[in-house]
Protein backbone atom coordinates (compact mmCIF):
# COMPACT_ATOMS: atom_id res chain seq x y z
CA MET A 1 -0.22 -0.01 0.16
CA THR A 2 1.10 3.70 -0.95
CA LYS A 3 1.50 5.61 2.09
CA ARG A 4 -0.32 9.08 1.55
CA SER A 5 1.20 12.63 2.37
CA ASN A 6 0.27 14.59 5.00
CA TYR A 7 -0.38 18.33 3.90
CA PHE A 8 -0.06 21.53 6.04
CA VAL A 9 -1.52 24.61 5.07
CA GLU A 10 -0.49 27.95 6.90
CA GLY A 11 -0.27 31.42 5.96
CA LEU A 12 -0.86 34.82 8.06
CA GLN A 13 -4.62 35.74 8.92
CA GLY A 14 -6.92 36.40 5.98
CA ALA A 15 -4.81 34.71 3.37
CA GLY A 16 -7.69 32.22 3.00
CA LYS A 17 -6.19 29.20 4.77
CA SER A 18 -9.66 27.54 5.31
CA THR A 19 -11.45 27.92 1.81
CA PHE A 20 -8.29 26.57 0.55
CA VAL A 21 -8.36 23.63 3.16
CA ARG A 22 -12.16 22.78 2.37
CA MET A 23 -11.47 22.96 -1.49
CA PHE A 24 -8.25 20.91 -1.31
CA SER A 25 -10.39 18.20 1.25
CA ASP A 26 -13.37 18.39 -1.06
CA GLN A 27 -10.58 16.81 -3.55
CA ARG A 28 -9.30 14.04 -1.58
CA LYS A 29 -12.05 12.60 0.42
CA ASP A 30 -10.30 9.75 2.06
CA TYR A 31 -7.65 11.82 3.95
CA THR A 32 -8.77 13.45 7.79
CA VAL A 33 -8.94 17.09 7.53
CA PHE A 34 -7.67 19.05 10.72
CA ARG A 35 -9.21 22.71 11.07
CA GLU A 36 -8.40 25.47 13.77
CA GLY A 37 -9.86 24.07 17.14
CA ASP A 38 -10.24 21.08 15.91
CA TYR A 39 -8.67 18.35 18.47
CA SER A 40 -6.14 17.46 16.10
CA PRO A 41 -2.69 14.40 16.56
CA ILE A 42 -0.28 17.52 16.85
CA ASP A 43 -1.66 21.17 16.55
CA LEU A 44 -3.83 22.58 20.07
CA ALA A 45 -4.76 25.83 19.30
CA TRP A 46 -8.25 26.45 20.90
CA CYS A 47 -7.95 23.96 23.23
CA ALA A 48 -8.05 24.40 26.57
CA TYR A 49 -5.34 21.72 28.14
CA VAL A 50 -6.01 20.81 31.10
CA THR A 51 -5.81 18.87 34.21
CA GLU A 52 -7.97 16.78 35.58
CA GLU A 53 -8.80 19.45 38.98
CA ALA A 54 -8.91 21.89 36.89
CA TYR A 55 -10.97 20.18 34.58
CA ASP A 56 -13.56 19.12 37.17
CA GLY A 57 -13.73 23.00 38.50
CA ILE A 58 -14.55 23.44 34.73
CA LEU A 59 -17.39 21.77 34.84
CA GLU A 60 -18.50 23.09 38.38
CA SER A 61 -18.38 26.12 37.03
CA TYR A 62 -20.83 25.16 33.88
CA PRO A 63 -23.36 22.85 35.02
CA SER A 64 -24.93 24.52 31.99
CA LEU A 65 -22.81 22.30 30.06
CA VAL A 66 -21.43 20.02 31.28
CA GLU A 67 -22.56 17.39 28.57
CA GLU A 68 -21.51 19.24 25.78
CA ILE A 69 -18.25 19.66 27.86
CA LYS A 70 -17.62 16.43 28.62
CA SER A 71 -18.59 15.72 24.60
CA LYS A 72 -15.85 18.11 23.59
CA THR A 73 -13.64 16.27 25.67
CA VAL A 74 -10.81 13.75 24.97
CA MET A 75 -7.94 12.38 27.31
CA GLU A 76 -4.61 12.90 26.69
CA GLY A 77 -1.93 11.17 29.15
CA SER A 78 -3.27 13.07 32.69
CA GLN A 79 -4.66 15.55 30.71
CA ARG A 80 -7.69 16.28 29.50
CA ILE A 81 -8.35 18.43 26.24
CA ILE A 82 -11.38 20.45 25.21
CA CYS A 83 -12.24 21.33 22.17
CA TYR A 84 -13.69 24.73 23.24
CA THR A 85 -14.42 27.01 20.54
CA GLN A 86 -16.73 24.28 18.97
CA ILE A 87 -19.68 24.59 22.57
CA LEU A 88 -21.98 27.56 21.27
CA THR A 89 -22.74 29.60 24.30
CA ASP A 90 -24.09 32.52 25.33
CA ILE A 91 -22.40 32.58 29.06
CA PRO A 92 -20.18 35.36 29.63
CA GLY A 93 -16.73 35.00 30.06
CA PHE A 94 -17.10 31.07 28.89
CA HIS A 95 -14.85 31.21 25.84
CA GLN A 96 -12.27 33.55 27.49
CA ASN A 97 -12.30 31.21 30.95
CA LEU A 98 -11.20 28.53 29.10
CA GLU A 99 -8.75 30.08 26.48
CA LYS A 100 -6.79 30.90 29.12
CA PHE A 101 -6.11 26.84 29.70
CA GLU A 102 -4.55 26.59 26.24
CA ILE A 103 -0.73 26.28 25.56
CA TYR A 104 0.19 29.28 23.38
CA ASN A 105 0.22 32.89 24.25
CA ALA A 106 3.14 31.66 26.65
CA ASN A 107 0.35 30.72 28.79
CA LEU A 108 2.87 27.41 29.76
CA ASP A 109 6.63 28.23 30.54
CA ARG A 110 8.42 27.53 28.07
CA GLU A 111 10.16 23.90 28.80
CA SER A 112 6.66 22.76 29.24
CA PHE A 113 5.50 23.88 26.25
CA GLU A 114 8.32 22.12 24.00
CA ASN A 115 7.95 18.81 26.11
CA VAL A 116 3.88 19.04 25.34
CA VAL A 117 4.66 19.89 21.78
CA CYS A 118 7.78 17.63 21.28
CA GLU A 119 5.59 14.83 22.81
CA ARG A 120 2.44 15.01 20.93
CA PHE A 121 4.79 15.16 17.24
CA LEU A 122 6.48 12.24 18.88
CA LYS A 123 3.12 10.04 18.89
CA TRP A 124 2.10 10.72 15.80
CA LYS A 125 2.28 8.83 12.79
CA GLY A 126 -0.20 9.40 10.29
CA GLU A 127 -0.89 9.62 6.86
CA GLY A 128 -3.41 11.17 4.88
CA GLN A 129 -4.64 14.54 6.79
CA ILE A 130 -4.81 18.25 6.02
CA PHE A 131 -3.64 20.75 8.82
CA GLU A 132 -4.82 24.36 8.64
CA CYS A 133 -2.36 25.84 10.68
CA ALA A 134 -0.52 23.33 12.60
CA PHE A 135 2.76 24.61 12.88
CA PHE A 136 3.87 27.75 11.71
CA GLN A 137 0.95 30.34 13.02
CA ASN A 138 0.88 28.95 17.13
CA ILE A 139 3.82 26.50 17.69
CA ILE A 140 6.46 29.12 16.04
CA GLU A 141 4.48 31.65 16.76
CA ASN A 142 4.62 30.79 20.61
CA GLN A 143 8.30 30.31 20.29
CA MET A 144 8.74 33.82 18.61
CA LEU A 145 6.74 35.20 22.18
CA TYR A 146 9.40 34.01 24.28
CA SER A 147 12.39 34.86 22.14
CA ARG A 148 11.03 38.32 23.02
CA GLY A 149 13.63 41.31 22.22
CA GLN A 150 15.26 42.46 19.03
CA ARG A 151 16.23 38.68 17.35
CA ALA A 152 12.05 38.39 18.22
CA LYS A 153 11.47 41.44 15.59
CA TRP A 154 13.99 40.73 13.22
CA LEU A 155 12.78 36.86 12.80
CA LEU A 156 9.15 38.11 12.83
CA ALA A 157 10.02 41.08 10.48
CA ASP A 158 12.00 39.01 7.86
CA ILE A 159 9.59 36.17 7.55
CA TRP A 160 6.94 39.11 6.48
CA ARG A 161 9.58 40.25 3.55
CA LEU A 162 10.02 36.79 2.56
CA PRO A 163 9.25 35.99 -1.57
CA ARG A 164 6.02 33.82 -1.82
CA GLY A 165 6.80 29.71 -1.88
CA SER A 166 9.70 30.07 -0.37
CA ASN A 167 9.90 27.67 2.30
CA THR A 168 12.78 29.49 4.16
CA PRO A 169 9.92 31.08 7.36
CA LEU A 170 9.41 27.82 8.34
CA LEU A 171 12.57 27.32 8.63
CA CYS A 172 14.12 30.03 10.41
CA SER A 173 11.05 30.23 12.86
CA ALA A 174 11.92 26.38 13.58
CA VAL A 175 15.34 26.75 14.47
CA SER A 176 14.95 27.05 18.61
CA LEU A 177 12.26 24.25 18.50
CA ILE A 178 13.18 21.78 16.32
CA PRO A 179 16.09 20.93 18.00
CA ARG A 180 14.72 20.57 20.96
CA CYS A 181 12.56 17.81 19.00
CA LEU A 182 15.23 16.35 17.77
CA GLN A 183 17.32 15.91 21.30
CA ARG A 184 14.11 14.47 22.71
CA GLY A 185 13.94 11.41 19.57
CA LEU A 186 12.30 13.41 16.82
């Protein structure tokens, strides 16, 4: 059996990634599609990453949403991953509260963040998958937050100036995370 490729669709906000993923996946019906906010084997964008204790607290705080929260939760080791943006509610502050539990935006210290990301990449054995924003826009952007200062400003400015179709942004941005994953056996 021939191995099927995986596709990673990345780009700036508003560039048409979601539209492209929809059209591309329409032509590849046998592929699994992971959009931002879905439970993905790689990315955790728009997903709360919580301990069992924090999970119980969330369920206690939102009794009217318990069943929906449970239906949008996946256990991963000792953590619970809640795909909270898939929960439609008008309860004030619900989405903002769960956003605090994302692994991005420096919500985790750098070492913990890198451990989560590397562990998930090491476990991933997929093929025939299409990912929207699974690497650059979330993981690499978060690494840039940890690299505050001139280096991050230079890197960000340099990425926006690169010619269309260049793979250099991915290579430049990944410099800080990829070696750490490689040291862990990725």
